[in-house]
Amino acid sequence: MPEAIALERELKAVMKSGKVVLGAKESLQLLLRNELKGLVIADNTPYEVRERLTYVARLNNVPVAIFKGTSAELGSVIGKPFKVSAIGIIDPGDSKIIDLLLEQQR
């Protein structure tokens, strides 16, 4: 459970100080252009979408974390009043989210 709390804390930090894109389509577009440094996917994202995102991320050596909650919960963690299936991290800002994602992949 500490990993989930740390992920939530770092997601809040990256939303304040970093640059992100919200949604699976936007994240996939930036992954294909190799512009993302990290990716967080909600647990209830459809299987095909999750597999496509993780496959392209692996090809580009982008760390991926699965958020242990629904897309609605992921949206509320980052302060948005809507569902968010994926968060693509362009610039982590002051957060340590990339280190956390790399640690979770091990």
C-alpha atoms as a PDB file:
ATOM      1  CA  MET A   1       0.000   0.000   0.000  1.00  0.00           C
ATOM      2  CA  PRO A   2       2.833   2.507   0.525  1.00  0.00           C
ATOM      3  CA  GLU A   3       3.499   2.455  -3.246  1.00  0.00           C
ATOM      4  CA  ALA A   4      -0.083   3.542  -3.953  1.00  0.00           C
ATOM      5  CA  ILE A   5       0.179   6.422  -1.482  1.00  0.00           C
ATOM      6  CA  ALA A   6       3.529   7.474  -2.914  1.00  0.00           C
ATOM      7  CA  LEU A   7       2.129   7.347  -6.452  1.00  0.00           C
ATOM      8  CA  GLU A   8      -0.820   9.541  -5.459  1.00  0.00           C
ATOM      9  CA  ARG A   9       1.506  12.040  -3.756  1.00  0.00           C
ATOM     10  CA  GLU A  10       3.794  12.211  -6.791  1.00  0.00           C
ATOM     11  CA  LEU A  11       0.856  12.530  -9.190  1.00  0.00           C
ATOM     12  CA  LYS A  12      -0.348  15.568  -7.238  1.00  0.00           C
ATOM     13  CA  ALA A  13       3.177  17.026  -7.339  1.00  0.00           C
ATOM     14  CA  VAL A  14       3.578  16.504 -11.089  1.00  0.00           C
ATOM     15  CA  MET A  15       0.203  18.155 -11.704  1.00  0.00           C
ATOM     16  CA  LYS A  16       1.403  21.249  -9.812  1.00  0.00           C
ATOM     17  CA  SER A  17       4.929  21.603 -11.144  1.00  0.00           C
ATOM     18  CA  GLY A  18       5.229  19.418 -14.238  1.00  0.00           C
ATOM     19  CA  LYS A  19       3.645  19.034 -17.636  1.00  0.00           C
ATOM     20  CA  VAL A  20       1.258  16.181 -18.420  1.00  0.00           C
ATOM     21  CA  VAL A  21      -1.319  15.050 -20.964  1.00  0.00           C
ATOM     22  CA  LEU A  22      -4.564  13.399 -19.903  1.00  0.00           C
ATOM     23  CA  GLY A  23      -6.225  10.526 -21.709  1.00  0.00           C
ATOM     24  CA  ALA A  24      -5.213   7.402 -23.574  1.00  0.00           C
ATOM     25  CA  LYS A  25      -5.407   8.908 -27.077  1.00  0.00           C
ATOM     26  CA  GLU A  26      -3.207  11.890 -26.286  1.00  0.00           C
ATOM     27  CA  SER A  27      -0.752   9.715 -24.348  1.00  0.00           C
ATOM     28  CA  LEU A  28      -0.504   7.256 -27.239  1.00  0.00           C
ATOM     29  CA  GLN A  29       0.158  10.045 -29.739  1.00  0.00           C
ATOM     30  CA  LEU A  30       3.014  11.389 -27.619  1.00  0.00           C
ATOM     31  CA  LEU A  31       4.357   7.882 -26.981  1.00  0.00           C
ATOM     32  CA  LEU A  32       4.525   7.280 -30.729  1.00  0.00           C
ATOM     33  CA  ARG A  33       6.540  10.503 -31.078  1.00  0.00           C
ATOM     34  CA  ASN A  34       8.705   9.433 -28.087  1.00  0.00           C
ATOM     35  CA  GLU A  35       7.858  12.586 -26.130  1.00  0.00           C
ATOM     36  CA  LEU A  36       6.764  11.012 -22.829  1.00  0.00           C
ATOM     37  CA  LYS A  37       8.998  10.314 -19.851  1.00  0.00           C
ATOM     38  CA  GLY A  38       6.439   8.269 -17.903  1.00  0.00           C
ATOM     39  CA  LEU A  39       2.927   6.872 -18.068  1.00  0.00           C
ATOM     40  CA  VAL A  40       0.263   6.059 -15.466  1.00  0.00           C
ATOM     41  CA  ILE A  41      -2.726   3.958 -16.536  1.00  0.00           C
ATOM     42  CA  ALA A  42      -5.940   3.417 -14.551  1.00  0.00           C
ATOM     43  CA  ASP A  43      -6.682  -0.179 -13.561  1.00  0.00           C
ATOM     44  CA  ASN A  44     -10.042  -0.249 -15.354  1.00  0.00           C
ATOM     45  CA  THR A  45      -8.729   0.992 -18.712  1.00  0.00           C
ATOM     46  CA  PRO A  46      -9.958  -1.403 -21.433  1.00  0.00           C
ATOM     47  CA  TYR A  47      -7.572  -4.305 -22.041  1.00  0.00           C
ATOM     48  CA  GLU A  48      -6.797  -3.420 -25.686  1.00  0.00           C
ATOM     49  CA  VAL A  49      -6.023   0.200 -24.838  1.00  0.00           C
ATOM     50  CA  ARG A  50      -3.837  -0.754 -21.861  1.00  0.00           C
ATOM     51  CA  GLU A  51      -1.920  -3.342 -23.912  1.00  0.00           C
ATOM     52  CA  ARG A  52      -1.322  -0.900 -26.765  1.00  0.00           C
ATOM     53  CA  LEU A  53      -0.079   1.809 -24.382  1.00  0.00           C
ATOM     54  CA  THR A  54       2.226  -0.537 -22.463  1.00  0.00           C
ATOM     55  CA  TYR A  55       3.579  -2.096 -25.678  1.00  0.00           C
ATOM     56  CA  VAL A  56       4.520   1.252 -27.231  1.00  0.00           C
ATOM     57  CA  ALA A  57       5.897   2.468 -23.891  1.00  0.00           C
ATOM     58  CA  ARG A  58       8.119  -0.628 -23.624  1.00  0.00           C
ATOM     59  CA  LEU A  59       9.425  -0.053 -27.152  1.00  0.00           C
ATOM     60  CA  ASN A  60      10.411   3.503 -26.179  1.00  0.00           C
ATOM     61  CA  ASN A  61      11.764   2.571 -22.711  1.00  0.00           C
ATOM     62  CA  VAL A  62       9.101   4.670 -20.977  1.00  0.00           C
ATOM     63  CA  PRO A  63       8.269   3.511 -17.429  1.00  0.00           C
ATOM     64  CA  VAL A  64       4.625   2.557 -16.854  1.00  0.00           C
ATOM     65  CA  ALA A  65       2.630   2.223 -13.633  1.00  0.00           C
ATOM     66  CA  ILE A  66      -0.853   0.804 -13.241  1.00  0.00           C
ATOM     67  CA  PHE A  67      -2.897   2.957 -10.853  1.00  0.00           C
ATOM     68  CA  LYS A  68      -4.740   0.635  -8.470  1.00  0.00           C
ATOM     69  CA  GLY A  69      -8.099   2.310  -8.868  1.00  0.00           C
ATOM     70  CA  THR A  70     -10.675   3.300 -11.438  1.00  0.00           C
ATOM     71  CA  SER A  71     -10.334   6.076 -13.978  1.00  0.00           C
ATOM     72  CA  ALA A  72     -12.767   8.149 -11.892  1.00  0.00           C
ATOM     73  CA  GLU A  73     -10.513   7.728  -8.845  1.00  0.00           C
ATOM     74  CA  LEU A  74      -7.439   8.636 -10.901  1.00  0.00           C
ATOM     75  CA  GLY A  75      -9.199  11.789 -12.060  1.00  0.00           C
ATOM     76  CA  SER A  76     -10.117  12.774  -8.508  1.00  0.00           C
ATOM     77  CA  VAL A  77      -6.555  12.140  -7.239  1.00  0.00           C
ATOM     78  CA  ILE A  78      -5.231  14.744  -9.667  1.00  0.00           C
ATOM     79  CA  GLY A  79      -8.086  17.145  -8.913  1.00  0.00           C
ATOM     80  CA  LYS A  80     -10.134  16.701 -12.073  1.00  0.00           C
ATOM     81  CA  PRO A  81     -13.924  16.245 -11.962  1.00  0.00           C
ATOM     82  CA  PHE A  82     -13.869  13.649 -14.759  1.00  0.00           C
ATOM     83  CA  LYS A  83     -12.502  10.190 -15.534  1.00  0.00           C
ATOM     84  CA  VAL A  84      -8.857   9.946 -16.623  1.00  0.00           C
ATOM     85  CA  SER A  85      -7.775   6.634 -18.135  1.00  0.00           C
ATOM     86  CA  ALA A  86      -4.115   7.568 -18.606  1.00  0.00           C
ATOM     87  CA  ILE A  87      -1.683  10.301 -17.615  1.00  0.00           C
ATOM     88  CA  GLY A  88       1.327  10.879 -19.829  1.00  0.00           C
ATOM     89  CA  ILE A  89       4.210  12.683 -18.143  1.00  0.00           C
ATOM     90  CA  ILE A  90       6.042  15.076 -20.455  1.00  0.00           C
ATOM     91  CA  ASP A  91       7.998  16.925 -17.770  1.00  0.00           C
ATOM     92  CA  PRO A  92       8.062  15.704 -14.145  1.00  0.00           C
ATOM     93  CA  GLY A  93       8.800  19.156 -12.742  1.00  0.00           C
ATOM     94  CA  ASP A  94       9.724  18.992  -9.032  1.00  0.00           C
ATOM     95  CA  SER A  95       8.179  15.550  -8.519  1.00  0.00           C
ATOM     96  CA  LYS A  96      10.060  12.266  -8.218  1.00  0.00           C
ATOM     97  CA  ILE A  97       7.451  10.371 -10.224  1.00  0.00           C
ATOM     98  CA  ILE A  98       9.879   9.004 -12.840  1.00  0.00           C
ATOM     99  CA  ASP A  99      12.051   7.465 -10.105  1.00  0.00           C
ATOM    100  CA  LEU A 100       8.919   5.980  -8.541  1.00  0.00           C
ATOM    101  CA  LEU A 101       7.760   4.521 -11.873  1.00  0.00           C
ATOM    102  CA  LEU A 102      11.180   2.998 -12.507  1.00  0.00           C
ATOM    103  CA  GLU A 103      11.208   1.526  -9.001  1.00  0.00           C
ATOM    104  CA  GLN A 104       7.754  -0.026  -9.479  1.00  0.00           C
ATOM    105  CA  GLN A 105       8.820  -1.673 -12.741  1.00  0.00           C
ATOM    106  CA  ARG A 106      11.563  -3.665 -11.022  1.00  0.00           C
END
